[in-house]
Amino acid sequence: TQDLDANTLSFYAKDSLGLIQEKDIKKIIKLSAKIQDTARLSLHNSAESMLQLMLIYHPFKKQIGIKKYLETPSIYILLEGEFILEFYNESKELTNSIHFSNDKTKIATVPTGQYYKMIILSNNLLLLEIRLGPFNRNKQIYLT
């Protein structure tokens, strides 16, 4: 089922098992290439689910703005590619960074309320993103 409220092409899992098979990864990569933008397969079946687990594919290098989540940490698990998470304070000053790649970091947690930005370094980035639900866009704050 397509998530029509998402900012990028996104689909919900068909069942409650939340399986990711090789064919699912190939499908999300193919869809992403077709639209030339990010695509996501959510292993949960609604925005109301208490655990939000998303397989995300970025087909090109891009930066995702500085943001924080007010009520949940975020966990990132690298499957393929390379990216950097940069951490910021309220004054937009860089305080730390984590470099994700096959020979460096593969998993990291962003604490609740921490401003951060993702910088994608590779042309193909496949990752899992995990958060507590339910999802509430009003609890996602961008630093402008």
Protein backbone atom coordinates (compact mmCIF):
# COMPACT_ATOMS: atom_id res chain seq x y z
CA THR A 1 0.00 0.00 0.00
CA GLN A 2 1.39 3.40 -0.91
CA ASP A 3 1.81 5.98 1.86
CA LEU A 4 0.27 9.03 0.23
CA ASP A 5 1.25 11.34 3.13
CA ALA A 6 5.00 10.73 2.77
CA ASN A 7 7.40 13.31 1.31
CA THR A 8 9.05 10.64 -0.87
CA LEU A 9 7.72 7.57 -2.67
CA SER A 10 6.82 5.23 0.19
CA PHE A 11 5.00 1.95 0.65
CA TYR A 12 3.73 0.09 3.71
CA ALA A 13 4.29 -3.61 4.31
CA LYS A 14 1.55 -5.90 3.05
CA ASP A 15 1.49 -7.98 6.22
CA SER A 16 2.55 -7.77 9.86
CA LEU A 17 5.68 -9.92 9.46
CA GLY A 18 7.79 -7.10 8.02
CA LEU A 19 9.90 -9.31 5.79
CA ILE A 20 12.54 -7.85 3.49
CA GLN A 21 13.49 -10.15 0.67
CA GLU A 22 15.99 -9.55 -2.13
CA LYS A 23 13.10 -8.98 -4.56
CA ASP A 24 11.81 -6.16 -2.30
CA ILE A 25 15.20 -4.44 -2.34
CA LYS A 26 15.41 -4.75 -6.13
CA LYS A 27 11.89 -3.35 -6.49
CA ILE A 28 12.55 -0.29 -4.31
CA ILE A 29 15.82 0.40 -6.18
CA LYS A 30 14.04 0.09 -9.55
CA LEU A 31 11.25 2.45 -8.47
CA SER A 32 13.77 4.93 -7.12
CA ALA A 33 15.70 4.90 -10.41
CA LYS A 34 12.48 5.41 -12.36
CA ILE A 35 11.50 8.56 -10.44
CA GLN A 36 15.10 9.70 -9.80
CA ASP A 37 14.37 10.25 -6.13
CA THR A 38 14.36 8.52 -2.76
CA ALA A 39 12.07 5.53 -2.25
CA ARG A 40 11.08 3.81 0.98
CA LEU A 41 9.57 0.50 2.02
CA SER A 42 8.10 0.65 5.52
CA LEU A 43 8.00 -2.67 7.30
CA HIS A 44 5.21 -1.37 9.52
CA ASN A 45 1.70 -1.08 8.07
CA SER A 46 0.63 2.45 9.12
CA ALA A 47 1.88 5.75 10.53
CA GLU A 48 0.19 4.70 13.78
CA SER A 49 2.45 1.66 14.28
CA MET A 50 4.45 1.79 17.50
CA LEU A 51 7.66 0.77 15.74
CA GLN A 52 8.62 2.51 12.50
CA LEU A 53 11.12 0.42 10.50
CA MET A 54 11.97 1.69 7.02
CA LEU A 55 14.15 0.40 4.21
CA ILE A 56 15.30 3.54 2.37
CA TYR A 57 17.13 3.87 -0.93
CA HIS A 58 18.74 7.12 -2.09
CA PRO A 59 19.82 6.93 -5.77
CA PHE A 60 22.18 9.92 -5.69
CA LYS A 61 24.24 12.16 -3.44
CA LYS A 62 22.18 14.70 -1.56
CA GLN A 63 21.95 16.48 1.75
CA ILE A 64 18.98 16.15 4.03
CA GLY A 65 18.33 19.25 6.15
CA ILE A 66 19.18 19.66 9.82
CA LYS A 67 16.35 18.19 11.90
CA LYS A 68 15.47 16.59 15.20
CA TYR A 69 12.70 14.37 16.52
CA LEU A 70 11.15 15.53 19.76
CA GLU A 71 9.83 12.20 21.05
CA THR A 72 11.98 9.40 19.63
CA PRO A 73 15.57 8.47 18.93
CA SER A 74 16.53 7.41 15.41
CA ILE A 75 18.62 4.36 14.61
CA TYR A 76 20.46 4.10 11.28
CA ILE A 77 21.80 0.82 9.93
CA LEU A 78 23.92 0.97 6.78
CA LEU A 79 23.33 -1.80 4.26
CA GLU A 80 25.13 -0.37 1.21
CA GLY A 81 26.81 2.93 0.37
CA GLU A 82 28.35 5.75 2.37
CA PHE A 83 27.05 8.75 4.32
CA ILE A 84 27.85 11.08 7.20
CA LEU A 85 25.61 12.08 10.08
CA GLU A 86 26.52 15.53 11.39
CA PHE A 87 25.30 16.66 14.80
CA TYR A 88 24.47 20.28 15.65
CA ASN A 89 23.55 22.38 18.66
CA GLU A 90 20.72 24.96 18.76
CA SER A 91 23.12 27.61 17.34
CA LYS A 92 23.72 25.51 14.20
CA GLU A 93 27.28 24.74 15.29
CA LEU A 94 28.65 21.35 14.27
CA THR A 95 29.38 19.34 17.42
CA ASN A 96 30.18 15.85 16.10
CA SER A 97 29.94 13.59 13.07
CA ILE A 98 29.78 9.88 12.27
CA HIS A 99 31.05 8.46 8.96
CA PHE A 100 29.11 5.39 7.79
CA SER A 101 30.72 3.06 5.24
CA ASN A 102 31.37 -0.66 4.77
CA ASP A 103 34.73 -0.41 6.57
CA LYS A 104 33.69 2.12 9.22
CA THR A 105 30.49 2.59 11.22
CA LYS A 106 27.47 0.47 10.25
CA ILE A 107 24.98 1.29 13.06
CA ALA A 108 24.41 4.42 15.17
CA THR A 109 21.69 5.99 17.28
CA VAL A 110 20.67 9.64 17.19
CA PRO A 111 19.31 10.58 20.63
CA THR A 112 15.85 12.08 21.07
CA GLY A 113 15.96 15.86 20.60
CA GLN A 114 19.39 15.91 18.89
CA TYR A 115 19.71 18.07 15.77
CA TYR A 116 21.41 16.20 12.93
CA LYS A 117 21.89 16.20 9.17
CA MET A 118 22.55 13.35 6.75
CA ILE A 119 25.08 13.94 3.97
CA ILE A 120 24.98 11.20 1.35
CA LEU A 121 28.40 10.53 -0.17
CA SER A 122 27.65 7.62 -2.51
CA ASN A 123 25.42 7.44 -5.55
CA ASN A 124 23.60 4.43 -4.09
CA LEU A 125 22.67 4.40 -0.41
CA LEU A 126 20.58 1.63 1.12
CA LEU A 127 19.82 1.81 4.83
CA LEU A 128 17.39 0.89 7.56
CA GLU A 129 15.95 3.67 9.68
CA ILE A 130 14.16 2.82 12.93
CA ARG A 131 12.05 5.06 15.17
CA LEU A 132 9.35 4.72 17.77
CA GLY A 133 5.84 5.50 16.58
CA PRO A 134 3.31 6.62 15.95
CA PHE A 135 4.77 9.05 13.42
CA ASN A 136 3.81 12.68 13.99
CA ARG A 137 5.18 15.19 11.46
CA ASN A 138 4.65 17.99 14.01
CA LYS A 139 7.26 16.34 16.27
CA GLN A 140 9.90 16.57 13.51
CA ILE A 141 11.61 19.99 13.73
CA TYR A 142 13.89 21.43 11.03
CA LEU A 143 16.57 23.92 12.01
CA THR A 144 16.37 26.85 9.58
